[in-house]
Amino acid sequence: MSIRLSSRLYAIIDVLAGSSLENLIVFATELKVGGVQLLQYRNKFASSRQILEQAKELKRVLGPTVQLIMNDRADLCVTAGFDGLHVGQDDLSPKGARKVIGKTLLLGVSTHNPDQVGLAEKEPVDYIAVGPVFATASKLNPDPVIGLEGVRRARELTRKPLVAIGGITRKNCRSVIEAGADAVAVISDLTPDPRKSAEEFLSVLR
C-alpha cells in the first residue's frame, strides 16, 4: 500500500470505557459498508492486551480495503499489522515513532496552531492533522478552536496532506475542504447511523 491517504473521509472510532469488542466490530463493519476506506482506531482506556486484541480483530474483519491507523501506540500498530500510526503533541515524537514503525507505514501528527504546523512540515510524517476547526465534545480539554481561517493558514504552511478535525459534520465538511483540507476526520457525526452517515459524508465530499 502506498503511503497516502486513501479517502477524503477519515473516520475515527473513539472507543469508550467498557465498550465491547462485538459492538466495536459491528460499528466498524457498518462504516466499511458505508464506503469508509480510512479508519483510525483510538482507545485511551483499555489495557495494551485489550487494544491489541481489538486491533487484530479489526484488521481481520475489515480486510485490506480499509486503511487502518492506530492512535498513539507505535508498538501495537506494528504488532497488529496496521497501515499507519497517528501521534499527538504529547505522544511519542514523529521521529521516534518513525523509528518504531519503519519507513513504509503511514504516519500522521496532530497540530493545533501555526507554529506546530510549521514544525510538523519538517518532521518525517505523511500527513498533518489540524484542529479543532469547530467546537468539539470528543475531548475533555480541547485546544482552542481554529476555525476555517486556521485551516487556510495551515494550508499555506505545508505541502503535506492536511486532515482537518474537530466538530466536522455533514453540514460543514464541504467548507472545510474548500478551505484547503485534503480530508476531514470525523467522530461524533458518524455515530448515530454509521452506514448512512458515511454514505452521506462521501456524497458531500465528492
N, C-alpha and C. Protein backbone atom coordinates (compact mmCIF):
# COMPACT_ATOMS: atom_id res chain seq x y z
N MET A 1 0.85 -1.20 0.00
CA MET A 1 0.00 0.00 0.00
C MET A 1 0.88 1.25 0.00
N SER A 2 0.58 2.17 -0.92
CA SER A 2 1.38 3.38 -0.98
C SER A 2 1.11 4.26 0.25
N ILE A 3 2.08 5.09 0.58
CA ILE A 3 1.95 5.94 1.76
C ILE A 3 1.17 7.20 1.37
N ARG A 4 -0.14 7.11 1.42
CA ARG A 4 -1.00 8.24 1.11
C ARG A 4 -2.35 8.02 1.77
N LEU A 5 -3.11 9.10 1.88
CA LEU A 5 -4.46 8.99 2.42
C LEU A 5 -5.36 8.41 1.35
N SER A 6 -6.16 7.42 1.73
CA SER A 6 -6.96 6.72 0.75
C SER A 6 -8.34 7.33 0.54
N SER A 7 -8.69 8.37 1.29
CA SER A 7 -10.04 8.92 1.20
C SER A 7 -10.10 10.33 1.76
N ARG A 8 -11.11 11.09 1.33
CA ARG A 8 -11.36 12.41 1.92
C ARG A 8 -12.07 12.29 3.27
N LEU A 9 -12.66 11.15 3.53
CA LEU A 9 -13.31 10.90 4.82
C LEU A 9 -12.40 10.04 5.68
N TYR A 10 -11.96 10.61 6.79
CA TYR A 10 -11.07 9.94 7.74
C TYR A 10 -11.91 9.65 8.98
N ALA A 11 -12.44 8.45 9.04
CA ALA A 11 -13.30 8.07 10.16
C ALA A 11 -12.46 7.70 11.37
N ILE A 12 -12.91 8.12 12.55
CA ILE A 12 -12.23 7.77 13.79
C ILE A 12 -13.19 7.05 14.71
N ILE A 13 -12.79 5.86 15.14
CA ILE A 13 -13.55 5.15 16.17
C ILE A 13 -12.88 5.44 17.50
N ASP A 14 -13.57 6.20 18.33
CA ASP A 14 -13.07 6.57 19.65
C ASP A 14 -13.73 5.64 20.66
N VAL A 15 -13.03 4.61 21.07
CA VAL A 15 -13.62 3.57 21.91
C VAL A 15 -13.80 4.08 23.34
N LEU A 16 -15.00 3.97 23.85
CA LEU A 16 -15.31 4.41 25.20
C LEU A 16 -15.03 3.31 26.20
N ALA A 17 -14.82 3.69 27.45
CA ALA A 17 -14.56 2.70 28.51
C ALA A 17 -15.73 1.74 28.61
N GLY A 18 -15.43 0.46 28.67
CA GLY A 18 -16.46 -0.55 28.82
C GLY A 18 -17.09 -1.01 27.53
N SER A 19 -16.69 -0.45 26.39
CA SER A 19 -17.25 -0.87 25.11
C SER A 19 -16.81 -2.29 24.79
N SER A 20 -17.72 -3.06 24.22
CA SER A 20 -17.42 -4.46 23.91
C SER A 20 -16.78 -4.59 22.54
N LEU A 21 -16.03 -5.66 22.36
CA LEU A 21 -15.42 -5.95 21.07
C LEU A 21 -16.51 -6.14 20.01
N GLU A 22 -17.58 -6.80 20.39
CA GLU A 22 -18.68 -7.05 19.44
C GLU A 22 -19.25 -5.74 18.90
N ASN A 23 -19.50 -4.78 19.79
CA ASN A 23 -20.06 -3.50 19.35
C ASN A 23 -19.07 -2.75 18.46
N LEU A 24 -17.80 -2.84 18.80
CA LEU A 24 -16.75 -2.19 18.00
C LEU A 24 -16.75 -2.74 16.58
N ILE A 25 -16.80 -4.06 16.46
CA ILE A 25 -16.75 -4.69 15.14
C ILE A 25 -18.00 -4.37 14.32
N VAL A 26 -19.16 -4.37 14.96
CA VAL A 26 -20.40 -4.03 14.26
C VAL A 26 -20.32 -2.61 13.72
N PHE A 27 -19.87 -1.68 14.56
CA PHE A 27 -19.77 -0.28 14.16
C PHE A 27 -18.79 -0.12 13.00
N ALA A 28 -17.61 -0.74 13.11
CA ALA A 28 -16.60 -0.63 12.06
C ALA A 28 -17.08 -1.25 10.76
N THR A 29 -17.77 -2.36 10.85
CA THR A 29 -18.29 -3.02 9.65
C THR A 29 -19.32 -2.15 8.96
N GLU A 30 -20.17 -1.50 9.73
CA GLU A 30 -21.16 -0.59 9.15
C GLU A 30 -20.48 0.57 8.44
N LEU A 31 -19.41 1.08 9.01
CA LEU A 31 -18.66 2.15 8.35
C LEU A 31 -18.08 1.66 7.03
N LYS A 32 -17.54 0.47 7.03
CA LYS A 32 -16.98 -0.09 5.80
C LYS A 32 -18.05 -0.24 4.72
N VAL A 33 -19.20 -0.77 5.09
CA VAL A 33 -20.30 -0.94 4.14
C VAL A 33 -20.74 0.42 3.60
N GLY A 34 -20.65 1.45 4.45
CA GLY A 34 -21.00 2.80 4.02
C GLY A 34 -19.97 3.46 3.13
N GLY A 35 -18.83 2.80 2.92
CA GLY A 35 -17.82 3.30 2.00
C GLY A 35 -16.54 3.81 2.63
N VAL A 36 -16.41 3.71 3.95
CA VAL A 36 -15.19 4.19 4.62
C VAL A 36 -13.99 3.35 4.22
N GLN A 37 -12.92 4.04 3.81
CA GLN A 37 -11.68 3.36 3.41
C GLN A 37 -10.49 3.77 4.27
N LEU A 38 -10.72 4.71 5.16
CA LEU A 38 -9.65 5.23 6.01
C LEU A 38 -10.19 5.36 7.43
N LEU A 39 -9.61 4.58 8.35
CA LEU A 39 -10.20 4.45 9.69
C LEU A 39 -9.13 4.46 10.76
N GLN A 40 -9.29 5.35 11.73
CA GLN A 40 -8.38 5.37 12.88
C GLN A 40 -9.05 4.71 14.09
N TYR A 41 -8.30 3.86 14.73
CA TYR A 41 -8.76 3.20 15.96
C TYR A 41 -8.08 3.89 17.14
N ARG A 42 -8.91 4.48 18.01
CA ARG A 42 -8.39 5.20 19.17
C ARG A 42 -9.02 4.64 20.44
N ASN A 43 -8.18 4.19 21.36
CA ASN A 43 -8.67 3.62 22.61
C ASN A 43 -7.76 4.08 23.74
N LYS A 44 -8.26 5.00 24.55
CA LYS A 44 -7.47 5.58 25.64
C LYS A 44 -7.72 4.90 26.98
N PHE A 45 -8.58 3.89 27.00
CA PHE A 45 -9.00 3.32 28.28
C PHE A 45 -8.54 1.88 28.50
N ALA A 46 -8.42 1.10 27.46
CA ALA A 46 -8.15 -0.34 27.60
C ALA A 46 -6.67 -0.61 27.85
N SER A 47 -6.39 -1.82 28.31
CA SER A 47 -5.01 -2.26 28.50
C SER A 47 -4.37 -2.55 27.15
N SER A 48 -3.06 -2.68 27.15
CA SER A 48 -2.35 -2.99 25.91
C SER A 48 -2.85 -4.30 25.30
N ARG A 49 -3.11 -5.27 26.14
CA ARG A 49 -3.60 -6.57 25.66
C ARG A 49 -4.96 -6.41 24.99
N GLN A 50 -5.85 -5.64 25.60
CA GLN A 50 -7.19 -5.44 25.03
C GLN A 50 -7.11 -4.66 23.72
N ILE A 51 -6.27 -3.64 23.71
CA ILE A 51 -6.13 -2.85 22.48
C ILE A 51 -5.62 -3.73 21.34
N LEU A 52 -4.65 -4.56 21.62
CA LEU A 52 -4.09 -5.43 20.59
C LEU A 52 -5.14 -6.43 20.11
N GLU A 53 -5.91 -6.98 21.03
CA GLU A 53 -6.97 -7.93 20.66
C GLU A 53 -7.97 -7.26 19.72
N GLN A 54 -8.41 -6.06 20.10
CA GLN A 54 -9.39 -5.35 19.28
C GLN A 54 -8.80 -4.97 17.93
N ALA A 55 -7.56 -4.52 17.93
CA ALA A 55 -6.91 -4.10 16.70
C ALA A 55 -6.77 -5.26 15.72
N LYS A 56 -6.35 -6.40 16.21
CA LYS A 56 -6.19 -7.57 15.34
C LYS A 56 -7.52 -8.01 14.76
N GLU A 57 -8.58 -7.91 15.57
CA GLU A 57 -9.90 -8.31 15.07
C GLU A 57 -10.40 -7.31 14.03
N LEU A 58 -10.15 -6.03 14.25
CA LEU A 58 -10.50 -5.03 13.23
C LEU A 58 -9.78 -5.34 11.91
N LYS A 59 -8.51 -5.62 12.00
CA LYS A 59 -7.72 -5.93 10.81
C LYS A 59 -8.28 -7.16 10.09
N ARG A 60 -8.64 -8.17 10.85
CA ARG A 60 -9.14 -9.40 10.25
C ARG A 60 -10.49 -9.18 9.57
N VAL A 61 -11.38 -8.48 10.26
CA VAL A 61 -12.74 -8.31 9.76
C VAL A 61 -12.81 -7.32 8.59
N LEU A 62 -12.07 -6.23 8.68
CA LEU A 62 -12.18 -5.18 7.66
C LEU A 62 -11.36 -5.49 6.41
N GLY A 63 -10.29 -6.26 6.56
CA GLY A 63 -9.52 -6.67 5.40
C GLY A 63 -8.68 -5.56 4.79
N PRO A 64 -8.13 -5.80 3.61
CA PRO A 64 -7.16 -4.89 3.01
C PRO A 64 -7.74 -3.63 2.38
N THR A 65 -9.06 -3.56 2.23
CA THR A 65 -9.65 -2.41 1.54
C THR A 65 -9.80 -1.19 2.45
N VAL A 66 -9.63 -1.37 3.76
CA VAL A 66 -9.71 -0.25 4.70
C VAL A 66 -8.32 0.03 5.26
N GLN A 67 -7.89 1.27 5.10
CA GLN A 67 -6.59 1.71 5.62
C GLN A 67 -6.75 1.96 7.12
N LEU A 68 -6.07 1.16 7.93
CA LEU A 68 -6.23 1.22 9.38
C LEU A 68 -5.08 1.98 10.04
N ILE A 69 -5.44 2.98 10.85
CA ILE A 69 -4.47 3.80 11.55
C ILE A 69 -4.62 3.60 13.06
N MET A 70 -3.53 3.33 13.72
CA MET A 70 -3.52 3.18 15.18
C MET A 70 -3.23 4.53 15.82
N ASN A 71 -3.99 4.88 16.83
CA ASN A 71 -3.72 6.11 17.56
C ASN A 71 -2.69 5.86 18.66
N ASP A 72 -1.63 6.64 18.66
CA ASP A 72 -0.70 6.72 19.78
C ASP A 72 0.30 5.58 19.90
N ARG A 73 -0.14 4.33 19.81
CA ARG A 73 0.68 3.18 20.17
C ARG A 73 1.47 2.63 18.98
N ALA A 74 2.70 3.10 18.84
CA ALA A 74 3.53 2.66 17.72
C ALA A 74 3.81 1.16 17.79
N ASP A 75 4.06 0.66 18.99
CA ASP A 75 4.37 -0.76 19.15
C ASP A 75 3.20 -1.64 18.71
N LEU A 76 1.99 -1.27 19.14
CA LEU A 76 0.82 -2.07 18.81
C LEU A 76 0.41 -1.90 17.35
N CYS A 77 0.72 -0.76 16.77
CA CYS A 77 0.48 -0.54 15.35
C CYS A 77 1.22 -1.60 14.52
N VAL A 78 2.47 -1.80 14.85
CA VAL A 78 3.29 -2.77 14.13
C VAL A 78 2.82 -4.20 14.41
N THR A 79 2.57 -4.50 15.67
CA THR A 79 2.18 -5.86 16.05
C THR A 79 0.84 -6.26 15.45
N ALA A 80 -0.08 -5.32 15.35
CA ALA A 80 -1.42 -5.61 14.82
C ALA A 80 -1.45 -5.61 13.30
N GLY A 81 -0.37 -5.19 12.67
CA GLY A 81 -0.34 -5.17 11.22
C GLY A 81 -1.14 -4.02 10.61
N PHE A 82 -1.21 -2.90 11.33
CA PHE A 82 -1.94 -1.74 10.83
C PHE A 82 -1.16 -1.05 9.71
N ASP A 83 -1.85 -0.17 9.01
CA ASP A 83 -1.25 0.52 7.87
C ASP A 83 -0.57 1.83 8.26
N GLY A 84 -0.84 2.30 9.48
CA GLY A 84 -0.24 3.56 9.87
C GLY A 84 -0.47 3.89 11.33
N LEU A 85 0.12 5.02 11.74
CA LEU A 85 0.09 5.47 13.13
C LEU A 85 -0.20 6.96 13.16
N HIS A 86 -0.97 7.37 14.17
CA HIS A 86 -1.21 8.80 14.39
C HIS A 86 -0.76 9.16 15.80
N VAL A 87 0.03 10.23 15.92
CA VAL A 87 0.51 10.67 17.23
C VAL A 87 0.08 12.11 17.50
N GLY A 88 -0.09 12.42 18.78
CA GLY A 88 -0.44 13.77 19.20
C GLY A 88 0.77 14.53 19.68
N GLN A 89 0.54 15.74 20.14
CA GLN A 89 1.64 16.58 20.61
C GLN A 89 2.28 16.04 21.89
N ASP A 90 1.54 15.25 22.66
CA ASP A 90 2.06 14.73 23.92
C ASP A 90 2.44 13.26 23.83
N ASP A 91 2.38 12.69 22.63
CA ASP A 91 2.73 11.28 22.43
C ASP A 91 4.20 11.16 22.01
N LEU A 92 4.57 9.98 21.57
CA LEU A 92 5.90 9.75 21.01
C LEU A 92 6.14 10.73 19.87
N SER A 93 7.34 11.27 19.77
CA SER A 93 7.64 12.24 18.72
C SER A 93 7.56 11.57 17.35
N PRO A 94 7.30 12.36 16.30
CA PRO A 94 7.28 11.76 14.95
C PRO A 94 8.56 11.02 14.61
N LYS A 95 9.70 11.58 14.97
CA LYS A 95 10.98 10.89 14.68
C LYS A 95 11.07 9.58 15.44
N GLY A 96 10.65 9.61 16.72
CA GLY A 96 10.66 8.38 17.50
C GLY A 96 9.69 7.36 16.96
N ALA A 97 8.52 7.83 16.56
CA ALA A 97 7.51 6.93 16.00
C ALA A 97 8.00 6.30 14.71
N ARG A 98 8.64 7.10 13.88
CA ARG A 98 9.14 6.58 12.60
C ARG A 98 10.17 5.49 12.81
N LYS A 99 10.97 5.62 13.85
CA LYS A 99 11.97 4.58 14.15
C LYS A 99 11.29 3.25 14.49
N VAL A 100 10.13 3.34 15.15
CA VAL A 100 9.42 2.13 15.56
C VAL A 100 8.67 1.49 14.39
N ILE A 101 7.96 2.30 13.61
CA ILE A 101 7.08 1.75 12.57
C ILE A 101 7.78 1.56 11.23
N GLY A 102 8.97 2.13 11.07
CA GLY A 102 9.69 1.97 9.81
C GLY A 102 9.27 2.99 8.76
N LYS A 103 9.79 2.82 7.57
CA LYS A 103 9.59 3.81 6.50
C LYS A 103 8.33 3.57 5.67
N THR A 104 7.75 2.39 5.75
CA THR A 104 6.68 2.06 4.80
C THR A 104 5.27 2.31 5.33
N LEU A 105 5.13 2.57 6.63
CA LEU A 105 3.80 2.81 7.18
C LEU A 105 3.47 4.29 7.21
N LEU A 106 2.19 4.59 7.09
CA LEU A 106 1.70 5.97 7.14
C LEU A 106 1.90 6.53 8.54
N LEU A 107 2.29 7.80 8.62
CA LEU A 107 2.47 8.46 9.91
C LEU A 107 1.87 9.86 9.86
N GLY A 108 1.00 10.15 10.84
CA GLY A 108 0.39 11.46 10.93
C GLY A 108 0.59 12.05 12.31
N VAL A 109 0.47 13.39 12.40
CA VAL A 109 0.64 14.06 13.68
C VAL A 109 -0.43 15.14 13.84
N SER A 110 -0.91 15.31 15.06
CA SER A 110 -1.89 16.35 15.37
C SER A 110 -1.20 17.69 15.61
N THR A 111 -1.81 18.76 15.11
CA THR A 111 -1.33 20.11 15.38
C THR A 111 -2.52 21.00 15.71
N HIS A 112 -2.25 22.09 16.40
CA HIS A 112 -3.34 22.95 16.86
C HIS A 112 -3.10 24.44 16.63
N ASN A 113 -1.96 24.78 16.04
CA ASN A 113 -1.66 26.19 15.77
C ASN A 113 -0.60 26.27 14.68
N PRO A 114 -0.38 27.46 14.11
CA PRO A 114 0.57 27.60 13.01
C PRO A 114 2.00 27.15 13.36
N ASP A 115 2.43 27.42 14.58
CA ASP A 115 3.79 27.02 14.96
C ASP A 115 3.95 25.50 14.89
N GLN A 116 2.96 24.78 15.39
CA GLN A 116 3.03 23.32 15.37
C GLN A 116 2.96 22.78 13.94
N VAL A 117 2.15 23.42 13.10
CA VAL A 117 2.09 23.00 11.69
C VAL A 117 3.45 23.20 11.02
N GLY A 118 4.07 24.35 11.29
CA GLY A 118 5.38 24.63 10.72
C GLY A 118 6.43 23.60 11.12
N LEU A 119 6.40 23.20 12.38
CA LEU A 119 7.34 22.18 12.86
C LEU A 119 7.03 20.83 12.24
N ALA A 120 5.73 20.50 12.15
CA ALA A 120 5.33 19.20 11.59
C ALA A 120 5.73 19.06 10.13
N GLU A 121 5.75 20.19 9.42
CA GLU A 121 6.15 20.17 8.00
C GLU A 121 7.56 19.63 7.84
N LYS A 122 8.39 19.80 8.86
CA LYS A 122 9.79 19.36 8.78
C LYS A 122 10.00 17.95 9.34
N GLU A 123 8.94 17.37 9.90
CA GLU A 123 9.05 16.04 10.51
C GLU A 123 8.81 14.94 9.47
N PRO A 124 9.23 13.70 9.79
CA PRO A 124 9.04 12.58 8.86
C PRO A 124 7.62 12.02 8.92
N VAL A 125 6.63 12.90 8.67
CA VAL A 125 5.23 12.49 8.69
C VAL A 125 4.65 12.57 7.29
N ASP A 126 3.60 11.79 7.05
CA ASP A 126 2.97 11.73 5.74
C ASP A 126 1.76 12.64 5.63
N TYR A 127 1.17 12.99 6.78
CA TYR A 127 0.07 13.95 6.76
C TYR A 127 0.06 14.70 8.09
N ILE A 128 -0.59 15.86 8.07
CA ILE A 128 -0.70 16.69 9.26
C ILE A 128 -2.18 16.91 9.56
N ALA A 129 -2.58 16.61 10.78
CA ALA A 129 -3.95 16.89 11.22
C ALA A 129 -3.96 18.24 11.93
N VAL A 130 -5.00 19.03 11.69
CA VAL A 130 -5.08 20.35 12.30
C VAL A 130 -6.49 20.57 12.84
N GLY A 131 -6.56 21.19 14.02
CA GLY A 131 -7.86 21.44 14.62
C GLY A 131 -7.71 21.78 16.10
N PRO A 132 -8.84 21.90 16.80
CA PRO A 132 -10.20 21.68 16.30
C PRO A 132 -10.68 22.84 15.43
N VAL A 133 -11.29 22.49 14.29
CA VAL A 133 -11.81 23.51 13.39
C VAL A 133 -13.04 24.18 14.01
N PHE A 134 -13.93 23.34 14.54
CA PHE A 134 -15.13 23.83 15.21
C PHE A 134 -15.15 23.27 16.64
N ALA A 135 -16.06 23.73 17.44
CA ALA A 135 -16.18 23.22 18.81
C ALA A 135 -16.45 21.72 18.78
N THR A 136 -15.83 21.00 19.70
CA THR A 136 -15.96 19.55 19.72
C THR A 136 -16.19 19.04 21.14
N ALA A 137 -16.94 17.95 21.23
CA ALA A 137 -17.19 17.32 22.52
C ALA A 137 -16.40 16.03 22.67
N SER A 138 -15.51 15.74 21.72
CA SER A 138 -14.79 14.48 21.72
C SER A 138 -13.60 14.46 22.66
N LYS A 139 -13.21 15.65 23.18
CA LYS A 139 -12.10 15.73 24.13
C LYS A 139 -12.54 16.51 25.36
N LEU A 140 -12.03 16.09 26.51
CA LEU A 140 -12.41 16.76 27.75
C LEU A 140 -11.84 18.17 27.83
N ASN A 141 -10.60 18.34 27.37
CA ASN A 141 -9.94 19.66 27.40
C ASN A 141 -9.40 20.00 26.02
N PRO A 142 -10.30 20.35 25.10
CA PRO A 142 -9.87 20.60 23.72
C PRO A 142 -9.03 21.86 23.60
N ASP A 143 -8.20 21.90 22.57
CA ASP A 143 -7.44 23.10 22.26
C ASP A 143 -8.38 24.16 21.70
N PRO A 144 -7.93 25.43 21.66
CA PRO A 144 -8.78 26.49 21.13
C PRO A 144 -9.21 26.23 19.69
N VAL A 145 -10.45 26.57 19.38
CA VAL A 145 -10.98 26.41 18.02
C VAL A 145 -10.20 27.29 17.05
N ILE A 146 -9.84 26.73 15.89
CA ILE A 146 -9.06 27.48 14.91
C ILE A 146 -9.92 28.04 13.78
N GLY A 147 -11.12 27.48 13.58
CA GLY A 147 -12.00 27.95 12.52
C GLY A 147 -11.48 27.62 11.13
N LEU A 148 -12.23 28.03 10.12
CA LEU A 148 -11.82 27.79 8.74
C LEU A 148 -10.57 28.58 8.39
N GLU A 149 -10.40 29.73 9.03
CA GLU A 149 -9.21 30.53 8.79
C GLU A 149 -7.95 29.79 9.24
N GLY A 150 -8.08 29.01 10.32
CA GLY A 150 -6.96 28.21 10.79
C GLY A 150 -6.59 27.13 9.80
N VAL A 151 -7.59 26.57 9.12
CA VAL A 151 -7.33 25.57 8.06
C VAL A 151 -6.61 26.24 6.90
N ARG A 152 -7.08 27.42 6.51
CA ARG A 152 -6.44 28.14 5.41
C ARG A 152 -4.97 28.47 5.73
N ARG A 153 -4.73 28.89 6.96
CA ARG A 153 -3.37 29.21 7.39
C ARG A 153 -2.49 27.97 7.37
N ALA A 154 -3.02 26.86 7.85
CA ALA A 154 -2.25 25.61 7.84
C ALA A 154 -1.92 25.20 6.42
N ARG A 155 -2.87 25.39 5.51
CA ARG A 155 -2.63 25.04 4.10
C ARG A 155 -1.48 25.85 3.52
N GLU A 156 -1.35 27.09 3.95
CA GLU A 156 -0.25 27.95 3.48
C GLU A 156 1.11 27.46 3.99
N LEU A 157 1.10 26.77 5.12
CA LEU A 157 2.34 26.42 5.80
C LEU A 157 2.87 25.03 5.45
N THR A 158 2.09 24.23 4.75
CA THR A 158 2.55 22.87 4.46
C THR A 158 2.08 22.40 3.10
N ARG A 159 2.90 21.57 2.48
CA ARG A 159 2.52 20.90 1.24
C ARG A 159 2.07 19.47 1.51
N LYS A 160 2.23 19.04 2.74
CA LYS A 160 1.80 17.69 3.10
C LYS A 160 0.28 17.61 3.11
N PRO A 161 -0.30 16.41 2.91
CA PRO A 161 -1.74 16.25 3.03
C PRO A 161 -2.23 16.77 4.38
N LEU A 162 -3.34 17.49 4.37
CA LEU A 162 -3.86 18.15 5.56
C LEU A 162 -5.21 17.54 5.93
N VAL A 163 -5.30 17.05 7.16
CA VAL A 163 -6.54 16.46 7.67
C VAL A 163 -7.11 17.40 8.72
N ALA A 164 -8.31 17.91 8.48
CA ALA A 164 -8.96 18.80 9.44
C ALA A 164 -9.81 17.97 10.40
N ILE A 165 -9.84 18.38 11.67
CA ILE A 165 -10.58 17.63 12.69
C ILE A 165 -11.21 18.58 13.69
N GLY A 166 -12.31 18.14 14.27
CA GLY A 166 -12.94 18.91 15.33
C GLY A 166 -14.29 19.48 14.95
N GLY A 167 -15.36 18.85 15.39
CA GLY A 167 -16.70 19.36 15.18
C GLY A 167 -17.16 19.33 13.73
N ILE A 168 -16.57 18.49 12.92
CA ILE A 168 -16.92 18.45 11.50
C ILE A 168 -18.12 17.54 11.28
N THR A 169 -19.10 18.06 10.53
CA THR A 169 -20.36 17.36 10.28
C THR A 169 -20.64 17.32 8.78
N ARG A 170 -21.71 16.62 8.43
CA ARG A 170 -22.13 16.58 7.03
C ARG A 170 -22.51 17.98 6.52
N LYS A 171 -22.93 18.84 7.43
CA LYS A 171 -23.36 20.19 7.03
C LYS A 171 -22.19 21.14 6.77
N ASN A 172 -21.07 20.92 7.46
CA ASN A 172 -19.97 21.88 7.30
C ASN A 172 -18.71 21.30 6.64
N CYS A 173 -18.71 20.02 6.31
CA CYS A 173 -17.48 19.38 5.82
C CYS A 173 -17.01 19.93 4.48
N ARG A 174 -17.94 20.31 3.63
CA ARG A 174 -17.56 20.83 2.33
C ARG A 174 -16.77 22.14 2.47
N SER A 175 -17.19 22.97 3.41
CA SER A 175 -16.49 24.24 3.62
C SER A 175 -15.07 24.02 4.12
N VAL A 176 -14.86 22.94 4.84
CA VAL A 176 -13.52 22.62 5.35
C VAL A 176 -12.60 22.19 4.21
N ILE A 177 -13.11 21.40 3.29
CA ILE A 177 -12.34 21.01 2.11
C ILE A 177 -12.02 22.24 1.27
N GLU A 178 -13.00 23.11 1.10
CA GLU A 178 -12.80 24.32 0.30
C GLU A 178 -11.78 25.27 0.94
N ALA A 179 -11.61 25.16 2.27
CA ALA A 179 -10.62 25.98 2.97
C ALA A 179 -9.20 25.45 2.81
N GLY A 180 -9.07 24.24 2.25
CA GLY A 180 -7.73 23.73 1.97
C GLY A 180 -7.41 22.36 2.51
N ALA A 181 -8.32 21.75 3.27
CA ALA A 181 -8.05 20.41 3.80
C ALA A 181 -8.16 19.36 2.70
N ASP A 182 -7.34 18.34 2.79
CA ASP A 182 -7.41 17.22 1.85
C ASP A 182 -8.41 16.17 2.32
N ALA A 183 -8.65 16.14 3.63
CA ALA A 183 -9.58 15.16 4.20
C ALA A 183 -10.14 15.72 5.50
N VAL A 184 -11.26 15.17 5.93
CA VAL A 184 -11.86 15.57 7.20
C VAL A 184 -11.94 14.36 8.12
N ALA A 185 -11.51 14.54 9.35
CA ALA A 185 -11.60 13.48 10.35
C ALA A 185 -12.89 13.67 11.14
N VAL A 186 -13.64 12.58 11.28
CA VAL A 186 -14.97 12.68 11.89
C VAL A 186 -15.15 11.59 12.94
N ILE A 187 -15.72 11.98 14.08
CA ILE A 187 -16.05 11.03 15.14
C ILE A 187 -17.55 11.05 15.39
N SER A 188 -18.04 12.12 15.99
CA SER A 188 -19.41 12.16 16.51
C SER A 188 -20.48 12.03 15.42
N ASP A 189 -20.28 12.68 14.27
CA ASP A 189 -21.33 12.69 13.26
C ASP A 189 -21.41 11.39 12.46
N LEU A 190 -20.60 10.40 12.83
CA LEU A 190 -20.71 9.07 12.25
C LEU A 190 -21.43 8.10 13.19
N THR A 191 -21.70 8.56 14.39
CA THR A 191 -22.16 7.64 15.44
C THR A 191 -23.62 7.18 15.31
N PRO A 192 -24.59 8.06 15.05
CA PRO A 192 -25.99 7.63 15.14
C PRO A 192 -26.34 6.48 14.20
N ASP A 193 -25.94 6.59 12.94
CA ASP A 193 -26.21 5.56 11.93
C ASP A 193 -24.99 5.50 11.03
N PRO A 194 -23.98 4.73 11.43
CA PRO A 194 -22.67 4.79 10.76
C PRO A 194 -22.71 4.55 9.25
N ARG A 195 -23.49 3.58 8.81
CA ARG A 195 -23.53 3.31 7.37
C ARG A 195 -24.11 4.49 6.59
N LYS A 196 -25.27 4.97 7.02
CA LYS A 196 -25.92 6.08 6.34
C LYS A 196 -25.08 7.35 6.45
N SER A 197 -24.52 7.59 7.62
CA SER A 197 -23.71 8.80 7.83
C SER A 197 -22.50 8.80 6.91
N ALA A 198 -21.81 7.66 6.81
CA ALA A 198 -20.64 7.56 5.94
C ALA A 198 -21.01 7.80 4.49
N GLU A 199 -22.11 7.20 4.06
CA GLU A 199 -22.56 7.38 2.68
C GLU A 199 -22.84 8.85 2.38
N GLU A 200 -23.48 9.54 3.33
CA GLU A 200 -23.82 10.95 3.13
C GLU A 200 -22.58 11.83 3.14
N PHE A 201 -21.63 11.54 4.02
CA PHE A 201 -20.37 12.28 4.03
C PHE A 201 -19.67 12.14 2.68
N LEU A 202 -19.54 10.92 2.20
CA LEU A 202 -18.81 10.67 0.96
C LEU A 202 -19.52 11.31 -0.23
N SER A 203 -20.83 11.38 -0.18
CA SER A 203 -21.57 12.03 -1.24
C SER A 203 -21.27 13.53 -1.27
N VAL A 204 -21.21 14.16 -0.09
CA VAL A 204 -20.92 15.58 0.00
C VAL A 204 -19.48 15.88 -0.38
N LEU A 205 -18.57 14.97 -0.05
CA LEU A 205 -17.14 15.21 -0.23
C LEU A 205 -16.64 14.87 -1.63
N ARG A 206 -17.49 14.37 -2.49
CA ARG A 206 -17.05 14.01 -3.83
C ARG A 206 -16.45 15.18 -4.58
